[in-house]
Amino acid sequence: MDINVILGVFLALLNQEVPQQMGEKAEQTQARYESVILNTLTIAFDETKTPLFDGKQGRVRTAATMLAIDVKESNLRRDVDVGSLRGDSNGSWCLAQVNLNGGKILITPDGSFKYLFGNAVEGWSGHDLVSDRLKCFTAQLSILQSSFKCDVPERHKLTAYASGHCGWAKPESEIRMDLAKKFWDKIEFTDDEVIKALKDEVEYLYELEH
């Protein structure tokens, strides 16, 4: 399967939810969405990271869930993407709306996270998250992995992501999980097919450069 086919499927899903962005030409929005999708796939398919789900579509569903959250958290707005607009009294950053509460987030070697405050040298600031989407989505996945550990029904697995506490913000979790499931139902390709497509794309780009 070609990477462009995979991108096209995800792109169609995003366009159904947020078809056009104010302040951007249509082609600019589509190019940015494709970049967001590729960045998300890069993190969700990083073999050093644990997916949210098991099975032959575990990483595909992880990527789809991350994108569904981005849609609901930021509406994929460009001003949020670049950091000129932030949520939660300026405390939440990037498309995933990672809430730093004025501090930084540190991703530990085991994939978990912790917040740092004061004059911490380590960790990523909000500016780091909007200057590099891969950092934004790495932080997002780490927080999601923690949220999915909550002993709650599947529709409420995002309560900790949305509120910081297991079992809180149930309506917000339900809205995001329902959109994720809507995305899952439209995707037929497997993890293996995406992995091969990503590998083929990397090899193709390498050949062009050499």
N, C-alpha and C. Protein backbone atom coordinates (compact mmCIF):
# COMPACT_ATOMS: atom_id res chain seq x y z
N MET A 1 0.85 -1.20 0.00
CA MET A 1 0.00 0.00 0.00
C MET A 1 0.88 1.25 0.00
N ASP A 2 0.53 2.21 -0.82
CA ASP A 2 1.30 3.44 -0.95
C ASP A 2 1.00 4.39 0.20
N ILE A 3 2.02 5.12 0.66
CA ILE A 3 1.82 6.06 1.75
C ILE A 3 0.79 7.13 1.40
N ASN A 4 0.69 7.48 0.13
CA ASN A 4 -0.28 8.49 -0.28
C ASN A 4 -1.71 8.02 -0.10
N VAL A 5 -1.93 6.71 -0.25
CA VAL A 5 -3.26 6.16 -0.01
C VAL A 5 -3.61 6.28 1.47
N ILE A 6 -2.66 5.96 2.32
CA ILE A 6 -2.86 6.05 3.77
C ILE A 6 -3.11 7.50 4.18
N LEU A 7 -2.29 8.40 3.67
CA LEU A 7 -2.49 9.82 3.97
C LEU A 7 -3.86 10.29 3.50
N GLY A 8 -4.27 9.80 2.32
CA GLY A 8 -5.56 10.20 1.77
C GLY A 8 -6.72 9.80 2.65
N VAL A 9 -6.63 8.61 3.25
CA VAL A 9 -7.70 8.15 4.15
C VAL A 9 -7.78 9.04 5.38
N PHE A 10 -6.64 9.28 6.01
CA PHE A 10 -6.63 10.14 7.20
C PHE A 10 -7.05 11.57 6.84
N LEU A 11 -6.60 12.04 5.69
CA LEU A 11 -6.92 13.40 5.28
C LEU A 11 -8.43 13.56 5.07
N ALA A 12 -9.06 12.56 4.48
CA ALA A 12 -10.51 12.61 4.28
C ALA A 12 -11.24 12.66 5.62
N LEU A 13 -10.74 11.92 6.61
CA LEU A 13 -11.35 11.92 7.93
C LEU A 13 -11.25 13.29 8.58
N LEU A 14 -10.08 13.91 8.48
CA LEU A 14 -9.91 15.24 9.07
C LEU A 14 -10.77 16.27 8.36
N ASN A 15 -10.85 16.17 7.05
CA ASN A 15 -11.63 17.13 6.28
C ASN A 15 -13.12 17.03 6.56
N GLN A 16 -13.59 15.85 6.93
CA GLN A 16 -14.99 15.69 7.31
C GLN A 16 -15.31 16.47 8.58
N GLU A 17 -14.32 16.61 9.44
CA GLU A 17 -14.53 17.29 10.72
C GLU A 17 -14.18 18.78 10.65
N VAL A 18 -13.07 19.10 10.00
CA VAL A 18 -12.60 20.48 9.91
C VAL A 18 -12.14 20.72 8.47
N PRO A 19 -13.07 20.99 7.55
CA PRO A 19 -12.71 21.05 6.13
C PRO A 19 -11.88 22.25 5.70
N GLN A 20 -12.01 23.38 6.39
CA GLN A 20 -11.29 24.57 5.96
C GLN A 20 -10.91 25.42 7.16
N GLN A 21 -9.77 26.07 7.08
CA GLN A 21 -9.29 26.90 8.17
C GLN A 21 -9.29 28.37 7.77
N MET A 22 -9.79 29.21 8.65
CA MET A 22 -9.76 30.64 8.39
C MET A 22 -8.31 31.13 8.36
N GLY A 23 -8.02 32.02 7.42
CA GLY A 23 -6.68 32.58 7.34
C GLY A 23 -5.72 31.74 6.55
N GLU A 24 -6.18 30.62 6.01
CA GLU A 24 -5.35 29.75 5.19
C GLU A 24 -6.05 29.47 3.86
N LYS A 25 -5.29 29.38 2.81
CA LYS A 25 -5.84 28.91 1.55
C LYS A 25 -6.07 27.41 1.67
N ALA A 26 -6.99 26.90 0.87
CA ALA A 26 -7.35 25.48 0.95
C ALA A 26 -6.14 24.58 0.80
N GLU A 27 -5.27 24.91 -0.16
CA GLU A 27 -4.11 24.07 -0.39
C GLU A 27 -3.13 24.13 0.79
N GLN A 28 -3.09 25.27 1.48
CA GLN A 28 -2.23 25.40 2.65
C GLN A 28 -2.74 24.53 3.80
N THR A 29 -4.06 24.55 3.97
CA THR A 29 -4.66 23.71 5.01
C THR A 29 -4.39 22.25 4.75
N GLN A 30 -4.57 21.82 3.51
CA GLN A 30 -4.38 20.40 3.18
C GLN A 30 -2.93 19.98 3.36
N ALA A 31 -2.00 20.85 2.98
CA ALA A 31 -0.58 20.54 3.15
C ALA A 31 -0.23 20.44 4.63
N ARG A 32 -0.80 21.31 5.45
CA ARG A 32 -0.53 21.28 6.88
C ARG A 32 -1.15 20.04 7.51
N TYR A 33 -2.36 19.70 7.10
CA TYR A 33 -2.99 18.48 7.62
C TYR A 33 -2.15 17.25 7.29
N GLU A 34 -1.63 17.18 6.07
CA GLU A 34 -0.79 16.04 5.69
C GLU A 34 0.44 15.96 6.57
N SER A 35 1.03 17.12 6.86
CA SER A 35 2.19 17.15 7.73
C SER A 35 1.83 16.69 9.14
N VAL A 36 0.68 17.12 9.63
CA VAL A 36 0.21 16.70 10.95
C VAL A 36 0.02 15.19 10.98
N ILE A 37 -0.57 14.62 9.94
CA ILE A 37 -0.79 13.18 9.86
C ILE A 37 0.53 12.43 9.87
N LEU A 38 1.48 12.87 9.06
CA LEU A 38 2.79 12.21 9.01
C LEU A 38 3.51 12.28 10.35
N ASN A 39 3.43 13.44 11.00
CA ASN A 39 4.05 13.58 12.32
C ASN A 39 3.40 12.64 13.33
N THR A 40 2.09 12.51 13.25
CA THR A 40 1.37 11.62 14.16
C THR A 40 1.76 10.17 13.91
N LEU A 41 1.82 9.77 12.65
CA LEU A 41 2.21 8.40 12.32
C LEU A 41 3.64 8.12 12.77
N THR A 42 4.52 9.10 12.65
CA THR A 42 5.91 8.93 13.08
C THR A 42 5.99 8.56 14.55
N ILE A 43 5.17 9.20 15.38
CA ILE A 43 5.19 8.91 16.81
C ILE A 43 4.43 7.63 17.12
N ALA A 44 3.26 7.47 16.56
CA ALA A 44 2.44 6.28 16.85
C ALA A 44 3.11 5.00 16.39
N PHE A 45 3.94 5.08 15.34
CA PHE A 45 4.60 3.90 14.81
C PHE A 45 6.07 3.79 15.21
N ASP A 46 6.46 4.60 16.18
CA ASP A 46 7.81 4.48 16.74
C ASP A 46 7.85 3.21 17.59
N GLU A 47 8.68 2.26 17.18
CA GLU A 47 8.71 0.96 17.86
C GLU A 47 9.18 1.04 19.30
N THR A 48 9.78 2.17 19.69
CA THR A 48 10.20 2.33 21.08
C THR A 48 9.05 2.79 21.97
N LYS A 49 7.92 3.12 21.36
CA LYS A 49 6.76 3.61 22.11
C LYS A 49 5.65 2.56 22.11
N THR A 50 4.97 2.44 23.23
CA THR A 50 3.90 1.47 23.38
C THR A 50 2.59 2.05 22.84
N PRO A 51 1.92 1.34 21.92
CA PRO A 51 0.64 1.83 21.41
C PRO A 51 -0.45 1.75 22.47
N LEU A 52 -1.54 2.44 22.25
CA LEU A 52 -2.65 2.43 23.19
C LEU A 52 -3.48 1.15 23.10
N PHE A 53 -3.38 0.48 21.95
CA PHE A 53 -4.23 -0.67 21.69
C PHE A 53 -3.39 -1.86 21.21
N ASP A 54 -3.92 -3.05 21.42
CA ASP A 54 -3.30 -4.27 20.90
C ASP A 54 -3.91 -4.62 19.55
N GLY A 55 -3.40 -5.68 18.95
CA GLY A 55 -3.99 -6.17 17.72
C GLY A 55 -3.32 -5.66 16.46
N LYS A 56 -3.81 -6.12 15.31
CA LYS A 56 -3.18 -5.80 14.04
C LYS A 56 -3.37 -4.35 13.63
N GLN A 57 -4.27 -3.63 14.31
CA GLN A 57 -4.46 -2.20 14.05
C GLN A 57 -4.16 -1.36 15.29
N GLY A 58 -3.36 -1.90 16.20
CA GLY A 58 -3.10 -1.19 17.44
C GLY A 58 -2.49 0.18 17.26
N ARG A 59 -1.48 0.27 16.40
CA ARG A 59 -0.83 1.57 16.18
C ARG A 59 -1.67 2.47 15.26
N VAL A 60 -2.38 1.84 14.31
CA VAL A 60 -3.28 2.63 13.47
C VAL A 60 -4.34 3.31 14.33
N ARG A 61 -4.91 2.55 15.25
CA ARG A 61 -5.93 3.12 16.13
C ARG A 61 -5.34 4.14 17.10
N THR A 62 -4.11 3.91 17.49
CA THR A 62 -3.44 4.91 18.34
C THR A 62 -3.31 6.24 17.59
N ALA A 63 -2.85 6.19 16.35
CA ALA A 63 -2.72 7.40 15.54
C ALA A 63 -4.07 8.06 15.33
N ALA A 64 -5.09 7.26 15.02
CA ALA A 64 -6.42 7.81 14.79
C ALA A 64 -6.97 8.47 16.04
N THR A 65 -6.70 7.88 17.20
CA THR A 65 -7.15 8.47 18.47
C THR A 65 -6.45 9.79 18.74
N MET A 66 -5.16 9.84 18.47
CA MET A 66 -4.41 11.08 18.66
C MET A 66 -4.97 12.18 17.77
N LEU A 67 -5.26 11.86 16.52
CA LEU A 67 -5.80 12.86 15.60
C LEU A 67 -7.20 13.30 16.00
N ALA A 68 -8.01 12.36 16.48
CA ALA A 68 -9.36 12.71 16.94
C ALA A 68 -9.29 13.68 18.11
N ILE A 69 -8.35 13.44 19.01
CA ILE A 69 -8.17 14.35 20.15
C ILE A 69 -7.74 15.73 19.66
N ASP A 70 -6.83 15.77 18.70
CA ASP A 70 -6.37 17.06 18.17
C ASP A 70 -7.54 17.84 17.57
N VAL A 71 -8.42 17.14 16.87
CA VAL A 71 -9.59 17.79 16.27
C VAL A 71 -10.44 18.44 17.36
N LYS A 72 -10.71 17.70 18.41
CA LYS A 72 -11.59 18.20 19.46
C LYS A 72 -10.90 19.20 20.38
N GLU A 73 -9.59 19.05 20.57
CA GLU A 73 -8.87 19.95 21.47
C GLU A 73 -8.58 21.30 20.83
N SER A 74 -8.20 21.30 19.56
CA SER A 74 -7.72 22.54 18.94
C SER A 74 -8.40 22.88 17.61
N ASN A 75 -9.28 21.98 17.13
CA ASN A 75 -9.91 22.18 15.83
C ASN A 75 -8.86 22.29 14.72
N LEU A 76 -7.65 21.82 15.01
CA LEU A 76 -6.52 21.84 14.07
C LEU A 76 -6.19 23.26 13.59
N ARG A 77 -6.48 24.24 14.40
CA ARG A 77 -6.27 25.63 14.00
C ARG A 77 -4.79 25.95 13.83
N ARG A 78 -4.49 26.72 12.82
CA ARG A 78 -3.10 27.09 12.56
C ARG A 78 -2.53 27.92 13.70
N ASP A 79 -3.33 28.85 14.25
CA ASP A 79 -2.80 29.70 15.31
C ASP A 79 -2.48 28.90 16.57
N VAL A 80 -3.19 27.80 16.79
CA VAL A 80 -2.84 26.90 17.89
C VAL A 80 -1.60 26.10 17.53
N ASP A 81 -1.54 25.67 16.28
CA ASP A 81 -0.41 24.89 15.79
C ASP A 81 0.92 25.63 15.97
N VAL A 82 0.91 26.92 15.71
CA VAL A 82 2.15 27.70 15.80
C VAL A 82 2.35 28.36 17.16
N GLY A 83 1.33 28.27 18.04
CA GLY A 83 1.49 28.76 19.40
C GLY A 83 1.03 30.17 19.67
N SER A 84 0.43 30.83 18.69
CA SER A 84 -0.04 32.19 18.94
C SER A 84 -1.37 32.20 19.68
N LEU A 85 -2.07 31.07 19.71
CA LEU A 85 -3.28 30.92 20.51
C LEU A 85 -3.12 29.70 21.40
N ARG A 86 -3.41 29.87 22.68
CA ARG A 86 -3.29 28.77 23.64
C ARG A 86 -4.55 28.69 24.48
N GLY A 87 -4.83 27.50 24.98
CA GLY A 87 -6.02 27.29 25.79
C GLY A 87 -5.72 27.27 27.27
N ASP A 88 -6.79 27.14 28.07
CA ASP A 88 -6.65 27.01 29.52
C ASP A 88 -5.79 28.12 30.12
N SER A 89 -6.21 29.35 29.85
CA SER A 89 -5.50 30.53 30.37
C SER A 89 -4.03 30.53 29.96
N ASN A 90 -3.81 30.20 28.70
CA ASN A 90 -2.46 30.16 28.10
C ASN A 90 -1.59 29.02 28.61
N GLY A 91 -2.20 28.05 29.31
CA GLY A 91 -1.40 26.96 29.87
C GLY A 91 -1.29 25.74 28.97
N SER A 92 -2.17 25.65 27.95
CA SER A 92 -2.18 24.46 27.09
C SER A 92 -1.64 24.79 25.71
N TRP A 93 -0.76 23.93 25.22
CA TRP A 93 0.01 24.23 24.02
C TRP A 93 -0.17 23.19 22.93
N CYS A 94 0.02 23.62 21.72
CA CYS A 94 0.06 22.81 20.50
C CYS A 94 -1.29 22.16 20.18
N LEU A 95 -1.36 21.47 19.06
CA LEU A 95 -2.63 20.91 18.60
C LEU A 95 -3.24 19.94 19.60
N ALA A 96 -2.41 19.26 20.37
CA ALA A 96 -2.90 18.31 21.36
C ALA A 96 -3.31 18.98 22.66
N GLN A 97 -3.07 20.29 22.76
CA GLN A 97 -3.40 21.06 23.97
C GLN A 97 -2.84 20.42 25.23
N VAL A 98 -1.54 20.23 25.22
CA VAL A 98 -0.82 19.71 26.38
C VAL A 98 -0.76 20.81 27.43
N ASN A 99 -1.36 20.55 28.59
CA ASN A 99 -1.44 21.57 29.65
C ASN A 99 -0.20 21.48 30.53
N LEU A 100 0.63 22.50 30.45
CA LEU A 100 1.89 22.52 31.21
C LEU A 100 1.77 23.28 32.52
N ASN A 101 0.65 23.96 32.73
CA ASN A 101 0.45 24.72 33.97
C ASN A 101 1.61 25.67 34.27
N GLY A 102 2.18 26.24 33.20
CA GLY A 102 3.26 27.19 33.39
C GLY A 102 4.63 26.57 33.56
N GLY A 103 4.72 25.26 33.46
CA GLY A 103 6.01 24.60 33.64
C GLY A 103 6.50 23.93 32.37
N LYS A 104 7.16 22.81 32.54
CA LYS A 104 7.66 22.01 31.42
C LYS A 104 7.22 20.57 31.60
N ILE A 105 7.33 19.79 30.52
CA ILE A 105 7.04 18.37 30.61
C ILE A 105 8.30 17.59 30.25
N LEU A 106 8.61 16.61 31.07
CA LEU A 106 9.78 15.76 30.85
C LEU A 106 9.31 14.35 30.54
N ILE A 107 9.70 13.82 29.38
CA ILE A 107 9.40 12.44 29.03
C ILE A 107 10.57 11.58 29.48
N THR A 108 10.30 10.64 30.35
CA THR A 108 11.35 9.81 30.93
C THR A 108 11.69 8.65 29.99
N PRO A 109 12.82 7.98 30.22
CA PRO A 109 13.23 6.88 29.33
C PRO A 109 12.19 5.77 29.19
N ASP A 110 11.36 5.56 30.20
CA ASP A 110 10.35 4.49 30.11
C ASP A 110 9.07 4.95 29.43
N GLY A 111 9.06 6.21 28.96
CA GLY A 111 7.90 6.72 28.23
C GLY A 111 6.90 7.45 29.07
N SER A 112 7.07 7.43 30.38
CA SER A 112 6.16 8.17 31.24
C SER A 112 6.57 9.64 31.26
N PHE A 113 5.83 10.45 31.99
CA PHE A 113 6.11 11.89 31.98
C PHE A 113 5.98 12.46 33.39
N LYS A 114 6.58 13.63 33.55
CA LYS A 114 6.37 14.38 34.78
C LYS A 114 6.51 15.87 34.45
N TYR A 115 5.86 16.68 35.24
CA TYR A 115 5.91 18.12 35.04
C TYR A 115 7.01 18.73 35.91
N LEU A 116 7.69 19.71 35.37
CA LEU A 116 8.76 20.40 36.08
C LEU A 116 8.42 21.89 36.16
N PHE A 117 8.75 22.49 37.29
CA PHE A 117 8.43 23.91 37.47
C PHE A 117 9.66 24.66 37.97
N GLY A 118 9.51 25.96 38.06
CA GLY A 118 10.63 26.79 38.49
C GLY A 118 11.62 26.99 37.36
N ASN A 119 12.90 26.89 37.69
CA ASN A 119 13.96 27.12 36.69
C ASN A 119 14.50 25.81 36.14
N ALA A 120 13.63 24.86 35.94
CA ALA A 120 14.06 23.55 35.44
C ALA A 120 14.75 23.67 34.09
N VAL A 121 15.89 23.01 33.97
CA VAL A 121 16.65 23.01 32.71
C VAL A 121 16.15 21.91 31.79
N GLU A 122 15.82 20.77 32.37
CA GLU A 122 15.34 19.64 31.58
C GLU A 122 13.90 19.86 31.14
N GLY A 123 13.45 19.01 30.24
CA GLY A 123 12.06 19.04 29.84
C GLY A 123 11.78 19.98 28.68
N TRP A 124 10.55 19.92 28.20
CA TRP A 124 10.11 20.74 27.07
C TRP A 124 9.14 21.80 27.53
N SER A 125 9.37 23.00 27.07
CA SER A 125 8.45 24.11 27.34
C SER A 125 7.34 24.12 26.29
N GLY A 126 6.37 25.00 26.48
CA GLY A 126 5.32 25.14 25.49
C GLY A 126 5.88 25.55 24.14
N HIS A 127 6.87 26.42 24.15
CA HIS A 127 7.49 26.86 22.89
C HIS A 127 8.18 25.68 22.19
N ASP A 128 8.74 24.76 22.98
CA ASP A 128 9.33 23.56 22.37
C ASP A 128 8.26 22.73 21.66
N LEU A 129 7.10 22.64 22.26
CA LEU A 129 6.03 21.81 21.71
C LEU A 129 5.48 22.37 20.40
N VAL A 130 5.43 23.70 20.29
CA VAL A 130 4.89 24.27 19.04
C VAL A 130 5.97 24.45 17.98
N SER A 131 7.22 24.41 18.38
CA SER A 131 8.30 24.54 17.40
C SER A 131 8.63 23.18 16.76
N ASP A 132 8.16 22.11 17.39
CA ASP A 132 8.43 20.76 16.88
C ASP A 132 7.22 19.88 17.21
N ARG A 133 6.39 19.60 16.21
CA ARG A 133 5.19 18.79 16.44
C ARG A 133 5.52 17.40 16.98
N LEU A 134 6.67 16.86 16.62
CA LEU A 134 7.03 15.54 17.12
C LEU A 134 7.12 15.54 18.64
N LYS A 135 7.58 16.64 19.21
CA LYS A 135 7.61 16.76 20.67
C LYS A 135 6.19 16.88 21.22
N CYS A 136 5.37 17.65 20.55
CA CYS A 136 3.96 17.79 20.95
C CYS A 136 3.29 16.42 21.00
N PHE A 137 3.46 15.63 19.93
CA PHE A 137 2.78 14.36 19.84
C PHE A 137 3.43 13.28 20.72
N THR A 138 4.72 13.42 21.00
CA THR A 138 5.37 12.53 21.96
C THR A 138 4.79 12.75 23.35
N ALA A 139 4.65 14.02 23.72
CA ALA A 139 4.04 14.35 25.01
C ALA A 139 2.59 13.88 25.06
N GLN A 140 1.88 14.09 23.97
CA GLN A 140 0.48 13.66 23.90
C GLN A 140 0.35 12.16 24.14
N LEU A 141 1.16 11.37 23.45
CA LEU A 141 1.07 9.92 23.60
C LEU A 141 1.43 9.47 25.01
N SER A 142 2.43 10.11 25.60
CA SER A 142 2.82 9.76 26.96
C SER A 142 1.67 10.03 27.95
N ILE A 143 1.01 11.16 27.80
CA ILE A 143 -0.12 11.50 28.67
C ILE A 143 -1.28 10.54 28.42
N LEU A 144 -1.50 10.20 27.15
CA LEU A 144 -2.56 9.26 26.81
C LEU A 144 -2.32 7.89 27.43
N GLN A 145 -1.08 7.43 27.38
CA GLN A 145 -0.76 6.13 27.97
C GLN A 145 -1.08 6.12 29.46
N SER A 146 -0.81 7.22 30.13
CA SER A 146 -1.15 7.33 31.55
C SER A 146 -2.66 7.35 31.75
N SER A 147 -3.34 8.10 30.90
CA SER A 147 -4.80 8.21 31.01
C SER A 147 -5.48 6.88 30.77
N PHE A 148 -4.93 6.08 29.85
CA PHE A 148 -5.53 4.78 29.52
C PHE A 148 -5.36 3.76 30.64
N LYS A 149 -4.53 4.06 31.62
CA LYS A 149 -4.37 3.16 32.76
C LYS A 149 -5.51 3.31 33.77
N CYS A 150 -6.33 4.35 33.61
CA CYS A 150 -7.46 4.55 34.52
C CYS A 150 -8.41 3.36 34.45
N ASP A 151 -8.86 2.90 35.59
CA ASP A 151 -9.77 1.76 35.66
C ASP A 151 -11.20 2.25 35.44
N VAL A 152 -11.50 2.55 34.19
CA VAL A 152 -12.80 3.10 33.81
C VAL A 152 -13.22 2.47 32.49
N PRO A 153 -14.49 2.57 32.09
CA PRO A 153 -14.92 2.06 30.79
C PRO A 153 -14.17 2.75 29.65
N GLU A 154 -14.14 2.09 28.48
CA GLU A 154 -13.34 2.60 27.37
C GLU A 154 -13.70 4.03 26.99
N ARG A 155 -14.97 4.39 27.00
CA ARG A 155 -15.37 5.75 26.61
C ARG A 155 -14.85 6.80 27.58
N HIS A 156 -14.40 6.35 28.76
CA HIS A 156 -13.90 7.28 29.77
C HIS A 156 -12.39 7.20 29.95
N LYS A 157 -11.71 6.52 29.02
CA LYS A 157 -10.26 6.38 29.12
C LYS A 157 -9.52 7.70 28.92
N LEU A 158 -10.20 8.71 28.40
CA LEU A 158 -9.55 10.01 28.18
C LEU A 158 -9.87 11.02 29.28
N THR A 159 -10.50 10.57 30.36
CA THR A 159 -10.86 11.51 31.42
C THR A 159 -9.62 12.16 32.05
N ALA A 160 -8.59 11.36 32.30
CA ALA A 160 -7.37 11.93 32.89
C ALA A 160 -6.67 12.85 31.90
N TYR A 161 -6.71 12.50 30.62
CA TYR A 161 -6.11 13.38 29.60
C TYR A 161 -6.82 14.73 29.59
N ALA A 162 -8.14 14.71 29.68
CA ALA A 162 -8.93 15.94 29.58
C ALA A 162 -8.92 16.77 30.86
N SER A 163 -8.74 16.09 32.01
CA SER A 163 -8.89 16.82 33.28
C SER A 163 -7.73 16.66 34.25
N GLY A 164 -6.91 15.64 34.01
CA GLY A 164 -5.83 15.36 34.96
C GLY A 164 -6.23 14.37 36.04
N HIS A 165 -7.48 13.90 36.00
CA HIS A 165 -7.96 12.99 37.03
C HIS A 165 -8.80 11.87 36.40
N CYS A 166 -8.57 10.65 36.83
CA CYS A 166 -9.37 9.53 36.34
C CYS A 166 -10.84 9.72 36.73
N GLY A 167 -11.71 9.55 35.76
CA GLY A 167 -13.13 9.60 36.04
C GLY A 167 -13.75 10.98 35.97
N TRP A 168 -12.93 12.02 35.88
CA TRP A 168 -13.47 13.37 35.70
C TRP A 168 -13.66 13.64 34.21
N ALA A 169 -14.39 14.71 33.89
CA ALA A 169 -14.57 15.15 32.50
C ALA A 169 -15.07 14.01 31.60
N LYS A 170 -16.06 13.27 32.09
CA LYS A 170 -16.58 12.14 31.31
C LYS A 170 -17.19 12.57 29.97
N PRO A 171 -17.96 13.65 29.92
CA PRO A 171 -18.51 14.06 28.62
C PRO A 171 -17.43 14.38 27.59
N GLU A 172 -16.36 15.05 28.03
CA GLU A 172 -15.27 15.38 27.11
C GLU A 172 -14.58 14.12 26.60
N SER A 173 -14.39 13.15 27.50
CA SER A 173 -13.78 11.89 27.09
C SER A 173 -14.68 11.16 26.09
N GLU A 174 -15.95 11.14 26.34
CA GLU A 174 -16.89 10.44 25.45
C GLU A 174 -16.89 11.04 24.05
N ILE A 175 -16.88 12.36 23.98
CA ILE A 175 -16.87 13.03 22.67
C ILE A 175 -15.62 12.66 21.89
N ARG A 176 -14.48 12.65 22.55
CA ARG A 176 -13.22 12.35 21.88
C ARG A 176 -13.11 10.88 21.50
N MET A 177 -13.54 10.00 22.39
CA MET A 177 -13.48 8.57 22.08
C MET A 177 -14.47 8.20 20.99
N ASP A 178 -15.63 8.85 20.98
CA ASP A 178 -16.61 8.57 19.93
C ASP A 178 -16.07 8.96 18.56
N LEU A 179 -15.36 10.09 18.49
CA LEU A 179 -14.77 10.49 17.21
C LEU A 179 -13.65 9.53 16.82
N ALA A 180 -12.85 9.10 17.79
CA ALA A 180 -11.79 8.13 17.50
C ALA A 180 -12.39 6.86 16.92
N LYS A 181 -13.46 6.37 17.52
CA LYS A 181 -14.10 5.15 17.02
C LYS A 181 -14.68 5.36 15.62
N LYS A 182 -15.19 6.55 15.37
CA LYS A 182 -15.68 6.87 14.03
C LYS A 182 -14.54 6.77 13.02
N PHE A 183 -13.38 7.25 13.41
CA PHE A 183 -12.21 7.14 12.54
C PHE A 183 -11.82 5.68 12.34
N TRP A 184 -11.80 4.91 13.45
CA TRP A 184 -11.40 3.50 13.34
C TRP A 184 -12.25 2.75 12.32
N ASP A 185 -13.55 3.04 12.34
CA ASP A 185 -14.48 2.31 11.47
C ASP A 185 -14.24 2.58 9.99
N LYS A 186 -13.55 3.68 9.69
CA LYS A 186 -13.30 4.05 8.29
C LYS A 186 -11.93 3.59 7.80
N ILE A 187 -11.14 3.00 8.68
CA ILE A 187 -9.78 2.60 8.33
C ILE A 187 -9.69 1.08 8.22
N GLU A 188 -9.22 0.60 7.07
CA GLU A 188 -9.12 -0.85 6.85
C GLU A 188 -7.69 -1.37 6.89
N PHE A 189 -6.70 -0.49 6.65
CA PHE A 189 -5.32 -0.98 6.59
C PHE A 189 -4.80 -1.31 7.98
N THR A 190 -3.79 -2.18 7.99
CA THR A 190 -3.22 -2.68 9.24
C THR A 190 -1.91 -1.97 9.58
N ASP A 191 -1.43 -2.27 10.78
CA ASP A 191 -0.14 -1.72 11.20
C ASP A 191 0.97 -2.12 10.22
N ASP A 192 0.99 -3.38 9.84
CA ASP A 192 2.04 -3.87 8.95
C ASP A 192 2.04 -3.13 7.62
N GLU A 193 0.87 -2.82 7.11
CA GLU A 193 0.79 -2.10 5.83
C GLU A 193 1.32 -0.68 5.97
N VAL A 194 1.04 -0.04 7.09
CA VAL A 194 1.54 1.32 7.31
C VAL A 194 3.05 1.29 7.51
N ILE A 195 3.53 0.33 8.27
CA ILE A 195 4.97 0.22 8.50
C ILE A 195 5.72 0.06 7.18
N LYS A 196 5.21 -0.80 6.31
CA LYS A 196 5.85 -1.01 5.01
C LYS A 196 5.80 0.26 4.17
N ALA A 197 4.66 0.96 4.18
CA ALA A 197 4.52 2.18 3.40
C ALA A 197 5.47 3.27 3.89
N LEU A 198 5.61 3.39 5.20
CA LEU A 198 6.52 4.38 5.76
C LEU A 198 7.97 4.03 5.42
N LYS A 199 8.30 2.75 5.49
CA LYS A 199 9.66 2.31 5.15
C LYS A 199 9.96 2.58 3.68
N ASP A 200 9.00 2.27 2.80
CA ASP A 200 9.18 2.51 1.37
C ASP A 200 9.36 4.00 1.09
N GLU A 201 8.62 4.84 1.81
CA GLU A 201 8.73 6.29 1.60
C GLU A 201 10.10 6.80 2.03
N VAL A 202 10.61 6.30 3.14
CA VAL A 202 11.93 6.70 3.61
C VAL A 202 12.99 6.28 2.60
N GLU A 203 12.89 5.06 2.10
CA GLU A 203 13.87 4.58 1.11
C GLU A 203 13.80 5.38 -0.18
N TYR A 204 12.59 5.77 -0.59
CA TYR A 204 12.41 6.56 -1.80
C TYR A 204 13.05 7.94 -1.64
N LEU A 205 12.83 8.57 -0.49
CA LEU A 205 13.40 9.89 -0.24
C LEU A 205 14.92 9.82 -0.19
N TYR A 206 15.43 8.72 0.41
CA TYR A 206 16.88 8.55 0.48
C TYR A 206 17.47 8.45 -0.92
N GLU A 207 16.82 7.70 -1.79
CA GLU A 207 17.30 7.56 -3.16
C GLU A 207 17.29 8.90 -3.90
N LEU A 208 16.27 9.70 -3.63
CA LEU A 208 16.22 11.02 -4.29
C LEU A 208 17.38 11.91 -3.85
N GLU A 209 17.74 11.80 -2.58
CA GLU A 209 18.79 12.65 -2.03
C GLU A 209 20.17 12.16 -2.45
N HIS A 210 20.29 10.90 -2.89
CA HIS A 210 21.61 10.35 -3.22
C HIS A 210 21.65 9.91 -4.69
